[in-house]
PDB file of N, CA and C in Angstrom:
ATOM      1  N   MET A   1     302.537 -69.519  44.594  1.00  0.00           N
ATOM      2  CA  MET A   1     302.478 -68.767  45.834  1.00  0.00           C
ATOM      3  C   MET A   1     302.356 -69.773  46.968  1.00  0.00           C
ATOM      4  N   GLY A   2     303.177 -69.574  47.981  1.00  0.00           N
ATOM      5  CA  GLY A   2     303.169 -70.498  49.119  1.00  0.00           C
ATOM      6  C   GLY A   2     302.072 -70.147  50.123  1.00  0.00           C
ATOM      7  N   LEU A   3     301.880 -71.040  51.030  1.00  0.00           N
ATOM      8  CA  LEU A   3     300.848 -70.882  52.055  1.00  0.00           C
ATOM      9  C   LEU A   3     301.088 -69.628  52.896  1.00  0.00           C
ATOM     10  N   THR A   4     302.316 -69.344  53.242  1.00  0.00           N
ATOM     11  CA  THR A   4     302.652 -68.152  54.035  1.00  0.00           C
ATOM     12  C   THR A   4     302.285 -66.889  53.276  1.00  0.00           C
ATOM     13  N   GLU A   5     302.577 -66.883  51.981  1.00  0.00           N
ATOM     14  CA  GLU A   5     302.254 -65.715  51.149  1.00  0.00           C
ATOM     15  C   GLU A   5     300.743 -65.549  51.011  1.00  0.00           C
ATOM     16  N   GLU A   6     300.033 -66.657  50.878  1.00  0.00           N
ATOM     17  CA  GLU A   6     298.574 -66.594  50.786  1.00  0.00           C
ATOM     18  C   GLU A   6     297.968 -66.061  52.084  1.00  0.00           C
ATOM     19  N   LEU A   7     298.518 -66.490  53.220  1.00  0.00           N
ATOM     20  CA  LEU A   7     298.026 -66.001  54.505  1.00  0.00           C
ATOM     21  C   LEU A   7     298.306 -64.508  54.667  1.00  0.00           C
ATOM     22  N   ALA A   8     299.481 -64.082  54.204  1.00  0.00           N
ATOM     23  CA  ALA A   8     299.821 -62.656  54.271  1.00  0.00           C
ATOM     24  C   ALA A   8     298.873 -61.839  53.398  1.00  0.00           C
ATOM     25  N   ALA A   9     298.560 -62.354  52.198  1.00  0.00           N
ATOM     26  CA  ALA A   9     297.631 -61.664  51.305  1.00  0.00           C
ATOM     27  C   ALA A   9     296.235 -61.610  51.929  1.00  0.00           C
ATOM     28  N   LEU A  10     295.813 -62.704  52.532  1.00  0.00           N
ATOM     29  CA  LEU A  10     294.510 -62.751  53.201  1.00  0.00           C
ATOM     30  C   LEU A  10     294.480 -61.770  54.364  1.00  0.00           C
ATOM     31  N   GLU A  11     295.583 -61.694  55.104  1.00  0.00           N
ATOM     32  CA  GLU A  11     295.670 -60.759  56.233  1.00  0.00           C
ATOM     33  C   GLU A  11     295.525 -59.318  55.746  1.00  0.00           C
ATOM     34  N   GLU A  12     296.162 -58.981  54.626  1.00  0.00           N
ATOM     35  CA  GLU A  12     296.048 -57.625  54.057  1.00  0.00           C
ATOM     36  C   GLU A  12     294.609 -57.336  53.611  1.00  0.00           C
ATOM     37  N   THR A  13     293.984 -58.342  53.021  1.00  0.00           N
ATOM     38  CA  THR A  13     292.594 -58.193  52.593  1.00  0.00           C
ATOM     39  C   THR A  13     291.689 -57.942  53.800  1.00  0.00           C
ATOM     40  N   LEU A  14     291.922 -58.700  54.871  1.00  0.00           N
ATOM     41  CA  LEU A  14     291.127 -58.529  56.087  1.00  0.00           C
ATOM     42  C   LEU A  14     291.369 -57.158  56.732  1.00  0.00           C
ATOM     43  N   LYS A  15     292.623 -56.707  56.743  1.00  0.00           N
ATOM     44  CA  LYS A  15     292.942 -55.387  57.292  1.00  0.00           C
ATOM     45  C   LYS A  15     292.221 -54.300  56.498  1.00  0.00           C
ATOM     46  N   SER A  16     292.226 -54.439  55.178  1.00  0.00           N
ATOM     47  CA  SER A  16     291.544 -53.480  54.325  1.00  0.00           C
ATOM     48  C   SER A  16     290.032 -53.486  54.601  1.00  0.00           C
ATOM     49  N   ALA A  17     289.488 -54.695  54.761  1.00  0.00           N
ATOM     50  CA  ALA A  17     288.056 -54.822  55.054  1.00  0.00           C
ATOM     51  C   ALA A  17     287.734 -54.178  56.407  1.00  0.00           C
ATOM     52  N   LEU A  18     288.590 -54.394  57.409  1.00  0.00           N
ATOM     53  CA  LEU A  18     288.368 -53.805  58.728  1.00  0.00           C
ATOM     54  C   LEU A  18     288.424 -52.273  58.675  1.00  0.00           C
ATOM     55  N   THR A  19     289.345 -51.756  57.878  1.00  0.00           N
ATOM     56  CA  THR A  19     289.440 -50.303  57.713  1.00  0.00           C
ATOM     57  C   THR A  19     288.154 -49.765  57.098  1.00  0.00           C
ATOM     58  N   GLN A  20     287.645 -50.454  56.076  1.00  0.00           N
ATOM     59  CA  GLN A  20     286.390 -50.041  55.450  1.00  0.00           C
ATOM     60  C   GLN A  20     285.226 -50.139  56.436  1.00  0.00           C
ATOM     61  N   ILE A  21     285.212 -51.170  57.245  1.00  0.00           N
ATOM     62  CA  ILE A  21     284.151 -51.343  58.237  1.00  0.00           C
ATOM     63  C   ILE A  21     284.189 -50.203  59.253  1.00  0.00           C
ATOM     64  N   GLU A  22     285.385 -49.828  59.699  1.00  0.00           N
ATOM     65  CA  GLU A  22     285.508 -48.718  60.659  1.00  0.00           C
ATOM     66  C   GLU A  22     284.979 -47.418  60.049  1.00  0.00           C
ATOM     67  N   LYS A  23     285.296 -47.166  58.786  1.00  0.00           N
ATOM     68  CA  LYS A  23     284.785 -45.962  58.110  1.00  0.00           C
ATOM     69  C   LYS A  23     283.266 -46.023  57.996  1.00  0.00           C
ATOM     70  N   MET A  24     282.756 -47.198  57.661  1.00  0.00           N
ATOM     71  CA  MET A  24     281.304 -47.363  57.538  1.00  0.00           C
ATOM     72  C   MET A  24     280.618 -47.175  58.890  1.00  0.00           C
ATOM     73  N   LYS A  25     281.241 -47.641  59.967  1.00  0.00           N
ATOM     74  CA  LYS A  25     280.668 -47.460  61.300  1.00  0.00           C
ATOM     75  C   LYS A  25     280.526 -45.983  61.634  1.00  0.00           C
ATOM     76  N   LEU A  26     281.538 -45.188  61.263  1.00  0.00           N
ATOM     77  CA  LEU A  26     281.467 -43.750  61.519  1.00  0.00           C
ATOM     78  C   LEU A  26     280.315 -43.112  60.740  1.00  0.00           C
ATOM     79  N   VAL A  27     280.153 -43.532  59.500  1.00  0.00           N
ATOM     80  CA  VAL A  27     279.051 -43.012  58.680  1.00  0.00           C
ATOM     81  C   VAL A  27     277.708 -43.421  59.285  1.00  0.00           C
ATOM     82  N   VAL A  28     277.597 -44.670  59.692  1.00  0.00           N
ATOM     83  CA  VAL A  28     276.351 -45.175  60.283  1.00  0.00           C
ATOM     84  C   VAL A  28     276.037 -44.418  61.573  1.00  0.00           C
ATOM     85  N   GLU A  29     277.031 -44.204  62.415  1.00  0.00           N
ATOM     86  CA  GLU A  29     276.813 -43.452  63.654  1.00  0.00           C
ATOM     87  C   GLU A  29     276.310 -42.048  63.353  1.00  0.00           C
ATOM     88  N   SER A  30     276.920 -41.403  62.356  1.00  0.00           N
ATOM     89  CA  SER A  30     276.492 -40.065  61.965  1.00  0.00           C
ATOM     90  C   SER A  30     275.045 -40.082  61.456  1.00  0.00           C
ATOM     91  N   LEU A  31     274.715 -41.068  60.632  1.00  0.00           N
ATOM     92  CA  LEU A  31     273.355 -41.179  60.107  1.00  0.00           C
ATOM     93  C   LEU A  31     272.353 -41.469  61.219  1.00  0.00           C
ATOM     94  N   GLU A  32     272.731 -42.292  62.167  1.00  0.00           N
ATOM     95  CA  GLU A  32     271.838 -42.584  63.294  1.00  0.00           C
ATOM     96  C   GLU A  32     271.585 -41.323  64.122  1.00  0.00           C
ATOM     97  N   ASP A  33     272.637 -40.520  64.342  1.00  0.00           N
ATOM     98  CA  ASP A  33     272.478 -39.262  65.074  1.00  0.00           C
ATOM     99  C   ASP A  33     271.545 -38.317  64.320  1.00  0.00           C
ATOM    100  N   GLN A  34     271.754 -38.191  63.006  1.00  0.00           N
ATOM    101  CA  GLN A  34     270.879 -37.341  62.192  1.00  0.00           C
ATOM    102  C   GLN A  34     269.446 -37.860  62.222  1.00  0.00           C
ATOM    103  N   ASN A  35     269.277 -39.161  62.153  1.00  0.00           N
ATOM    104  CA  ASN A  35     267.953 -39.771  62.180  1.00  0.00           C
ATOM    105  C   ASN A  35     267.247 -39.453  63.493  1.00  0.00           C
ATOM    106  N   LYS A  36     267.981 -39.549  64.591  1.00  0.00           N
ATOM    107  CA  LYS A  36     267.401 -39.247  65.904  1.00  0.00           C
ATOM    108  C   LYS A  36     266.934 -37.798  65.960  1.00  0.00           C
ATOM    109  N   ILE A  37     267.772 -36.891  65.489  1.00  0.00           N
ATOM    110  CA  ILE A  37     267.428 -35.466  65.487  1.00  0.00           C
ATOM    111  C   ILE A  37     266.195 -35.218  64.619  1.00  0.00           C
ATOM    112  N   LEU A  38     266.169 -35.820  63.436  1.00  0.00           N
ATOM    113  CA  LEU A  38     265.031 -35.623  62.533  1.00  0.00           C
ATOM    114  C   LEU A  38     263.749 -36.224  63.097  1.00  0.00           C
ATOM    115  N   ARG A  39     263.845 -37.371  63.746  1.00  0.00           N
ATOM    116  CA  ARG A  39     262.649 -37.973  64.375  1.00  0.00           C
ATOM    117  C   ARG A  39     262.109 -37.082  65.482  1.00  0.00           C
ATOM    118  N   GLU A  40     263.011 -36.522  66.296  1.00  0.00           N
ATOM    119  CA  GLU A  40     262.581 -35.624  67.363  1.00  0.00           C
ATOM    120  C   GLU A  40     261.922 -34.375  66.777  1.00  0.00           C
ATOM    121  N   LYS A  41     262.527 -33.844  65.728  1.00  0.00           N
ATOM    122  CA  LYS A  41     261.962 -32.654  65.084  1.00  0.00           C
ATOM    123  C   LYS A  41     260.600 -32.966  64.478  1.00  0.00           C
ATOM    124  N   LEU A  42     260.487 -34.088  63.811  1.00  0.00           N
ATOM    125  CA  LEU A  42     259.221 -34.491  63.213  1.00  0.00           C
ATOM    126  C   LEU A  42     258.152 -34.672  64.284  1.00  0.00           C
ATOM    127  N   SER A  43     258.514 -35.299  65.374  1.00  0.00           N
ATOM    128  CA  SER A  43     257.574 -35.516  66.469  1.00  0.00           C
ATOM    129  C   SER A  43     257.105 -34.180  67.035  1.00  0.00           C
ATOM    130  N   THR A  44     258.033 -33.255  67.238  1.00  0.00           N
ATOM    131  CA  THR A  44     257.693 -31.937  67.758  1.00  0.00           C
ATOM    132  C   THR A  44     256.786 -31.202  66.797  1.00  0.00           C
ATOM    133  N   GLU A  45     257.105 -31.235  65.502  1.00  0.00           N
ATOM    134  CA  GLU A  45     256.286 -30.545  64.516  1.00  0.00           C
ATOM    135  C   GLU A  45     254.904 -31.177  64.413  1.00  0.00           C
ATOM    136  N   ARG A  46     254.835 -32.501  64.514  1.00  0.00           N
ATOM    137  CA  ARG A  46     253.552 -33.186  64.450  1.00  0.00           C
ATOM    138  C   ARG A  46     252.684 -32.763  65.634  1.00  0.00           C
ATOM    139  N   ILE A  47     253.281 -32.735  66.828  1.00  0.00           N
ATOM    140  CA  ILE A  47     252.542 -32.324  68.020  1.00  0.00           C
ATOM    141  C   ILE A  47     252.092 -30.874  67.890  1.00  0.00           C
ATOM    142  N   ARG A  48     253.011 -30.032  67.423  1.00  0.00           N
ATOM    143  CA  ARG A  48     252.672 -28.619  67.259  1.00  0.00           C
ATOM    144  C   ARG A  48     251.572 -28.470  66.221  1.00  0.00           C
ATOM    145  N   GLY A  49     251.681 -29.175  65.112  1.00  0.00           N
ATOM    146  CA  GLY A  49     250.665 -29.110  64.060  1.00  0.00           C
ATOM    147  C   GLY A  49     249.315 -29.567  64.552  1.00  0.00           C
ATOM    148  N   GLU A  50     249.309 -30.645  65.348  1.00  0.00           N
ATOM    149  CA  GLU A  50     248.042 -31.127  65.901  1.00  0.00           C
ATOM    150  C   GLU A  50     247.460 -30.096  66.854  1.00  0.00           C
ATOM    151  N   GLY A  51     248.304 -29.409  67.604  1.00  0.00           N
ATOM    152  CA  GLY A  51     247.830 -28.374  68.524  1.00  0.00           C
ATOM    153  C   GLY A  51     247.163 -27.235  67.792  1.00  0.00           C
ATOM    154  N   PHE A  52     247.790 -26.766  66.732  1.00  0.00           N
ATOM    155  CA  PHE A  52     247.208 -25.672  65.969  1.00  0.00           C
ATOM    156  C   PHE A  52     245.969 -26.127  65.210  1.00  0.00           C
ATOM    157  N   GLU A  53     245.974 -27.379  64.798  1.00  0.00           N
ATOM    158  CA  GLU A  53     244.781 -27.911  64.141  1.00  0.00           C
ATOM    159  C   GLU A  53     243.615 -27.932  65.128  1.00  0.00           C
ATOM    160  N   SER A  54     243.889 -28.295  66.371  1.00  0.00           N
ATOM    161  CA  SER A  54     242.853 -28.299  67.406  1.00  0.00           C
ATOM    162  C   SER A  54     242.347 -26.888  67.669  1.00  0.00           C
ATOM    163  N   LEU A  55     243.257 -25.920  67.712  1.00  0.00           N
ATOM    164  CA  LEU A  55     242.839 -24.536  67.901  1.00  0.00           C
ATOM    165  C   LEU A  55     241.981 -24.060  66.742  1.00  0.00           C
ATOM    166  N   SER A  56     242.370 -24.436  65.539  1.00  0.00           N
ATOM    167  CA  SER A  56     241.583 -24.073  64.362  1.00  0.00           C
ATOM    168  C   SER A  56     240.183 -24.672  64.464  1.00  0.00           C
ATOM    169  N   GLN A  57     240.111 -25.903  64.902  1.00  0.00           N
ATOM    170  CA  GLN A  57     238.813 -26.566  65.055  1.00  0.00           C
ATOM    171  C   GLN A  57     237.963 -25.853  66.118  1.00  0.00           C
ATOM    172  N   LEU A  58     238.585 -25.484  67.232  1.00  0.00           N
ATOM    173  CA  LEU A  58     237.854 -24.738  68.265  1.00  0.00           C
ATOM    174  C   LEU A  58     237.298 -23.436  67.711  1.00  0.00           C
ATOM    175  N   TYR A  59     238.130 -22.734  66.942  1.00  0.00           N
ATOM    176  CA  TYR A  59     237.677 -21.470  66.350  1.00  0.00           C
ATOM    177  C   TYR A  59     236.492 -21.720  65.425  1.00  0.00           C
ATOM    178  N   ASN A  60     236.600 -22.755  64.598  1.00  0.00           N
ATOM    179  CA  ASN A  60     235.514 -23.079  63.662  1.00  0.00           C
ATOM    180  C   ASN A  60     234.231 -23.487  64.386  1.00  0.00           C
ATOM    181  N   GLU A  61     234.366 -23.984  65.611  1.00  0.00           N
ATOM    182  CA  GLU A  61     233.192 -24.358  66.399  1.00  0.00           C
ATOM    183  C   GLU A  61     232.578 -23.166  67.121  1.00  0.00           C
ATOM    184  N   GLY A  62     233.203 -21.982  66.978  1.00  0.00           N
ATOM    185  CA  GLY A  62     232.612 -20.766  67.534  1.00  0.00           C
ATOM    186  C   GLY A  62     233.216 -20.280  68.835  1.00  0.00           C
ATOM    187  N   TYR A  63     234.456 -20.666  69.115  1.00  0.00           N
ATOM    188  CA  TYR A  63     235.112 -20.229  70.342  1.00  0.00           C
ATOM    189  C   TYR A  63     236.342 -19.395  70.023  1.00  0.00           C
ATOM    190  N   HIS A  64     236.643 -18.472  70.933  1.00  0.00           N
ATOM    191  CA  HIS A  64     237.862 -17.674  70.806  1.00  0.00           C
ATOM    192  C   HIS A  64     239.081 -18.537  71.112  1.00  0.00           C
ATOM    193  N   ILE A  65     240.162 -18.277  70.393  1.00  0.00           N
ATOM    194  CA  ILE A  65     241.438 -18.920  70.694  1.00  0.00           C
ATOM    195  C   ILE A  65     242.516 -17.878  70.990  1.00  0.00           C
ATOM    196  N   CYS A  66     242.112 -16.604  70.964  1.00  0.00           N
ATOM    197  CA  CYS A  66     243.062 -15.535  71.286  1.00  0.00           C
ATOM    198  C   CYS A  66     243.251 -15.457  72.801  1.00  0.00           C
ATOM    199  N   HIS A  67     244.313 -14.820  73.196  1.00  0.00           N
ATOM    200  CA  HIS A  67     244.699 -14.782  74.608  1.00  0.00           C
ATOM    201  C   HIS A  67     243.623 -14.143  75.497  1.00  0.00           C
ATOM    202  N   ASP A  68     243.087 -13.015  75.083  1.00  0.00           N
ATOM    203  CA  ASP A  68     242.157 -12.270  75.945  1.00  0.00           C
ATOM    204  C   ASP A  68     240.824 -12.969  76.175  1.00  0.00           C
ATOM    205  N   TYR A  69     240.350 -13.709  75.192  1.00  0.00           N
ATOM    206  CA  TYR A  69     239.014 -14.298  75.294  1.00  0.00           C
ATOM    207  C   TYR A  69     239.022 -15.813  75.119  1.00  0.00           C
ATOM    208  N   PHE A  70     240.138 -16.429  75.358  1.00  0.00           N
ATOM    209  CA  PHE A  70     240.300 -17.852  75.081  1.00  0.00           C
ATOM    210  C   PHE A  70     239.145 -18.680  75.648  1.00  0.00           C
ATOM    211  N   ALA A  71     238.575 -19.545  74.787  1.00  0.00           N
ATOM    212  CA  ALA A  71     237.513 -20.504  75.108  1.00  0.00           C
ATOM    213  C   ALA A  71     236.162 -19.860  75.363  1.00  0.00           C
ATOM    214  N   GLN A  72     236.062 -18.551  75.220  1.00  0.00           N
ATOM    215  CA  GLN A  72     234.755 -17.912  75.339  1.00  0.00           C
ATOM    216  C   GLN A  72     234.030 -18.016  74.003  1.00  0.00           C
ATOM    217  N   LYS A  73     232.722 -18.167  74.065  1.00  0.00           N
ATOM    218  CA  LYS A  73     231.904 -18.267  72.856  1.00  0.00           C
ATOM    219  C   LYS A  73     232.013 -16.951  72.090  1.00  0.00           C
ATOM    220  N   ARG A  74     232.168 -17.046  70.784  1.00  0.00           N
ATOM    221  CA  ARG A  74     232.217 -15.831  69.977  1.00  0.00           C
ATOM    222  C   ARG A  74     231.013 -15.812  69.042  1.00  0.00           C
ATOM    223  N   GLU A  75     230.519 -14.624  68.787  1.00  0.00           N
ATOM    224  CA  GLU A  75     229.339 -14.458  67.939  1.00  0.00           C
ATOM    225  C   GLU A  75     229.713 -14.052  66.514  1.00  0.00           C
ATOM    226  N   GLU A  76     230.894 -13.503  66.356  1.00  0.00           N
ATOM    227  CA  GLU A  76     231.344 -13.047  65.033  1.00  0.00           C
ATOM    228  C   GLU A  76     232.834 -13.307  64.898  1.00  0.00           C
ATOM    229  N   PRO A  77     233.375 -13.169  63.711  1.00  0.00           N
ATOM    230  CA  PRO A  77     234.814 -13.410  63.530  1.00  0.00           C
ATOM    231  C   PRO A  77     235.655 -12.496  64.431  1.00  0.00           C
ATOM    232  N   CYS A  78     236.761 -13.022  64.890  1.00  0.00           N
ATOM    233  CA  CYS A  78     237.675 -12.267  65.760  1.00  0.00           C
ATOM    234  C   CYS A  78     238.996 -12.083  65.015  1.00  0.00           C
ATOM    235  N   LEU A  79     239.365 -10.836  64.809  1.00  0.00           N
ATOM    236  CA  LEU A  79     240.601 -10.558  64.072  1.00  0.00           C
ATOM    237  C   LEU A  79     241.839 -11.080  64.794  1.00  0.00           C
ATOM    238  N   PHE A  80     241.831 -11.070  66.105  1.00  0.00           N
ATOM    239  CA  PHE A  80     242.983 -11.571  66.859  1.00  0.00           C
ATOM    240  C   PHE A  80     243.141 -13.080  66.657  1.00  0.00           C
ATOM    241  N   CYS A  81     242.021 -13.793  66.770  1.00  0.00           N
ATOM    242  CA  CYS A  81     242.063 -15.244  66.553  1.00  0.00           C
ATOM    243  C   CYS A  81     242.507 -15.553  65.124  1.00  0.00           C
ATOM    244  N   LEU A  82     241.896 -14.858  64.173  1.00  0.00           N
ATOM    245  CA  LEU A  82     242.202 -15.121  62.762  1.00  0.00           C
ATOM    246  C   LEU A  82     243.652 -14.801  62.427  1.00  0.00           C
ATOM    247  N   SER A  83     244.167 -13.701  62.984  1.00  0.00           N
ATOM    248  CA  SER A  83     245.560 -13.358  62.677  1.00  0.00           C
ATOM    249  C   SER A  83     246.502 -14.432  63.209  1.00  0.00           C
ATOM    250  N   PHE A  84     246.176 -14.990  64.376  1.00  0.00           N
ATOM    251  CA  PHE A  84     246.985 -16.072  64.934  1.00  0.00           C
ATOM    252  C   PHE A  84     246.935 -17.297  64.028  1.00  0.00           C
ATOM    253  N   LEU A  85     245.736 -17.676  63.599  1.00  0.00           N
ATOM    254  CA  LEU A  85     245.596 -18.848  62.731  1.00  0.00           C
ATOM    255  C   LEU A  85     246.307 -18.648  61.403  1.00  0.00           C
ATOM    256  N   TYR A  86     246.112 -17.503  60.782  1.00  0.00           N
ATOM    257  CA  TYR A  86     246.731 -17.256  59.474  1.00  0.00           C
ATOM    258  C   TYR A  86     248.245 -17.188  59.579  1.00  0.00           C
ATOM    259  N   GLU A  87     248.748 -16.652  60.684  1.00  0.00           N
ATOM    260  CA  GLU A  87     250.198 -16.577  60.895  1.00  0.00           C
ATOM    261  C   GLU A  87     250.808 -17.972  60.923  1.00  0.00           C
ATOM    262  N   GLU A  88     250.075 -18.942  61.451  1.00  0.00           N
ATOM    263  CA  GLU A  88     250.568 -20.310  61.555  1.00  0.00           C
ATOM    264  C   GLU A  88     250.245 -21.140  60.319  1.00  0.00           C
ATOM    265  N   GLY A  89     249.571 -20.536  59.329  1.00  0.00           N
ATOM    266  CA  GLY A  89     249.297 -21.258  58.092  1.00  0.00           C
ATOM    267  C   GLY A  89     248.004 -22.031  58.092  1.00  0.00           C
ATOM    268  N   TYR A  90     247.170 -21.833  59.092  1.00  0.00           N
ATOM    269  CA  TYR A  90     245.869 -22.492  59.142  1.00  0.00           C
ATOM    270  C   TYR A  90     244.809 -21.487  58.741  1.00  0.00           C
ATOM    271  N   HIS A  91     243.837 -21.956  58.001  1.00  0.00           N
ATOM    272  CA  HIS A  91     242.778 -21.081  57.523  1.00  0.00           C
ATOM    273  C   HIS A  91     241.454 -21.564  58.065  1.00  0.00           C
ATOM    274  N   ALA A  92     240.797 -20.719  58.839  1.00  0.00           N
ATOM    275  CA  ALA A  92     239.534 -21.097  59.469  1.00  0.00           C
ATOM    276  C   ALA A  92     238.525 -21.500  58.404  1.00  0.00           C
ATOM    277  N   GLY A  93     237.862 -22.589  58.661  1.00  0.00           N
ATOM    278  CA  GLY A  93     236.807 -23.061  57.766  1.00  0.00           C
ATOM    279  C   GLY A  93     237.308 -23.939  56.638  1.00  0.00           C
ATOM    280  N   GLU A  94     238.616 -24.030  56.453  1.00  0.00           N
ATOM    281  CA  GLU A  94     239.164 -24.851  55.372  1.00  0.00           C
ATOM    282  C   GLU A  94     239.661 -26.159  55.945  1.00  0.00           C
ATOM    283  N   LYS A  95     239.438 -27.226  55.227  1.00  0.00           N
ATOM    284  CA  LYS A  95     239.954 -28.541  55.611  1.00  0.00           C
ATOM    285  C   LYS A  95     241.339 -28.699  55.022  1.00  0.00           C
ATOM    286  N   LYS A  96     242.236 -29.347  55.776  1.00  0.00           N
ATOM    287  CA  LYS A  96     243.568 -29.629  55.261  1.00  0.00           C
ATOM    288  C   LYS A  96     243.489 -30.782  54.290  1.00  0.00           C
ATOM    289  N   ASN A  97     244.231 -30.687  53.195  1.00  0.00           N
ATOM    290  CA  ASN A  97     244.289 -31.758  52.214  1.00  0.00           C
ATOM    291  C   ASN A  97     245.438 -32.672  52.581  1.00  0.00           C
ATOM    292  N   ASN A  98     245.143 -33.921  52.946  1.00  0.00           N
ATOM    293  CA  ASN A  98     246.182 -34.856  53.399  1.00  0.00           C
ATOM    294  C   ASN A  98     246.803 -35.665  52.285  1.00  0.00           C
ATOM    295  N   SER A  99     246.577 -35.302  51.043  1.00  0.00           N
ATOM    296  CA  SER A  99     247.162 -36.090  49.947  1.00  0.00           C
ATOM    297  C   SER A  99     248.518 -35.609  49.568  1.00  0.00           C
TER     298      SER A  99
END
């Protein structure tokens, strides 16, 4: 095989590699976009979870978290507060298991 033929073969190999790189770039861009969306969603859920955890803690400390009596001291369980907590998956008086 002559030098010209070797260069032509190398050129074809490089073209093939460039085509693969372009396809990989598209996949990487798609994955980066998905990653960004998932990070934003995770951040939002974490903030929301911390908010509800704080409300649960307030309730456990003896304060209302329902709309009508928010932050007022409560003397007994409040069905409105409890229904809100249970709807969100938090249970008053229970600690979350982080394992």
